[in-house]
Amino acid sequence: MEEANCHELVFSCYKKLLCLCLKVQKLLDTEQEPDAATLQKSYKKASEELPSMDEVLAIVGKSSTEFFFTFPEFAKVFIAPFQLVLHSELLWPMPPALSY
């Protein structure tokens, strides 16, 4: 796996999973919540939409670990509270006005 195409591979797998979910939703298309057995049968019918094993192994393999966040890194960047220090906060209290 190369850094230049790793995002394309991840997007491809993600898109296939989304298409699978949409296909199952269309197969069921009911007003009420389906039970687990019905969902399992529907996912088995639509299993050709799943990403291939080669695509998944390329993402989770050891060669790709340097291109993706670990979960703690992901949580720190996207989930943890955002810490922002404004430039004006660093200048408080305001310096006295210049007088010439």
Protein backbone atom coordinates (compact mmCIF):
# COMPACT_ATOMS: atom_id res chain seq x y z
CA MET A 1 0.00 0.00 0.00
CA GLU A 2 1.24 3.44 -0.90
CA GLU A 3 0.42 6.68 0.85
CA ALA A 4 -0.85 8.18 -2.42
CA ASN A 5 -3.73 5.72 -2.81
CA CYS A 6 -4.59 4.70 0.76
CA HIS A 7 -7.43 7.22 1.02
CA GLU A 8 -8.97 5.83 -2.19
CA LEU A 9 -8.91 2.30 -0.81
CA VAL A 10 -10.54 3.34 2.46
CA PHE A 11 -13.20 5.34 0.62
CA SER A 12 -13.88 2.38 -1.68
CA CYS A 13 -14.45 0.04 1.27
CA TYR A 14 -16.59 2.62 3.05
CA LYS A 15 -18.69 3.18 -0.07
CA LYS A 16 -19.24 -0.56 -0.50
CA LEU A 17 -20.44 -0.85 3.11
CA LEU A 18 -22.83 2.08 2.64
CA CYS A 19 -24.19 0.58 -0.57
CA LEU A 20 -24.70 -2.73 1.22
CA CYS A 21 -26.71 -1.02 3.96
CA LEU A 22 -28.81 0.83 1.40
CA LYS A 23 -29.49 -2.35 -0.53
CA VAL A 24 -30.62 -4.14 2.64
CA GLN A 25 -32.80 -1.18 3.56
CA LYS A 26 -34.48 -1.36 0.14
CA LEU A 27 -34.92 -5.14 0.45
CA LEU A 28 -36.69 -4.77 3.79
CA ASP A 29 -38.55 -1.48 3.14
CA THR A 30 -40.97 -1.97 6.02
CA GLU A 31 -42.60 0.46 8.41
CA GLN A 32 -41.58 -1.42 11.56
CA GLU A 33 -38.17 -2.39 12.86
CA PRO A 34 -37.06 -5.78 11.41
CA ASP A 35 -35.92 -8.51 13.77
CA ALA A 36 -32.34 -9.83 13.88
CA ALA A 37 -33.07 -12.98 11.86
CA THR A 38 -34.63 -10.99 9.01
CA LEU A 39 -31.70 -8.59 8.97
CA GLN A 40 -29.22 -11.45 8.89
CA LYS A 41 -30.99 -13.09 5.94
CA SER A 42 -31.09 -9.79 4.07
CA TYR A 43 -27.38 -9.16 4.61
CA LYS A 44 -26.57 -12.68 3.40
CA LYS A 45 -28.58 -12.04 0.23
CA ALA A 46 -26.66 -8.82 -0.43
CA SER A 47 -23.23 -10.12 0.58
CA GLU A 48 -21.78 -9.54 -2.91
CA GLU A 49 -21.75 -5.82 -2.04
CA LEU A 50 -19.18 -6.34 0.73
CA PRO A 51 -15.55 -5.27 0.21
CA SER A 52 -13.27 -8.14 -0.73
CA MET A 53 -10.93 -9.72 1.80
CA ASP A 54 -7.93 -8.33 -0.08
CA GLU A 55 -9.27 -4.77 0.26
CA VAL A 56 -9.93 -5.15 3.97
CA LEU A 57 -6.58 -6.83 4.66
CA ALA A 58 -4.78 -4.04 2.81
CA ILE A 59 -6.33 -1.51 5.19
CA VAL A 60 -5.82 -3.39 8.45
CA GLY A 61 -2.46 -4.95 7.56
CA LYS A 62 0.84 -4.00 9.13
CA SER A 63 2.01 -2.21 6.00
CA SER A 64 -0.77 0.37 6.28
CA THR A 65 -0.48 1.25 9.98
CA GLU A 66 1.76 4.24 9.31
CA PHE A 67 -0.90 5.86 7.07
CA PHE A 68 -3.88 5.70 9.46
CA PHE A 69 -4.69 6.95 12.96
CA THR A 70 -4.84 4.56 15.87
CA PHE A 71 -8.04 4.91 17.89
CA PRO A 72 -6.39 7.02 20.65
CA GLU A 73 -4.97 9.35 17.97
CA PHE A 74 -8.36 9.55 16.26
CA ALA A 75 -10.11 10.28 19.56
CA LYS A 76 -7.61 13.01 20.42
CA VAL A 77 -8.09 14.75 17.06
CA PHE A 78 -11.82 14.28 16.39
CA ILE A 79 -13.58 13.42 19.67
CA ALA A 80 -11.70 15.15 22.49
CA PRO A 81 -12.74 18.67 23.48
CA PHE A 82 -11.20 21.27 21.23
CA GLN A 83 -8.61 23.48 22.93
CA LEU A 84 -8.17 26.86 21.33
CA VAL A 85 -6.08 29.72 22.66
CA LEU A 86 -6.83 32.98 20.92
CA HIS A 87 -4.07 35.43 20.24
CA SER A 88 -5.97 38.09 22.17
CA GLU A 89 -5.97 35.87 25.27
CA LEU A 90 -2.21 35.77 25.19
CA LEU A 91 -2.10 39.58 25.13
CA TRP A 92 -4.41 40.17 28.11
CA PRO A 93 -4.21 42.52 29.92
CA MET A 94 -3.79 44.91 27.08
CA PRO A 95 -0.51 46.80 26.97
CA PRO A 96 -0.81 50.54 27.55
CA ALA A 97 -1.34 52.70 24.50
CA LEU A 98 1.77 54.17 22.97
CA SER A 99 2.17 57.92 23.46
CA TYR A 100 4.69 59.89 21.48
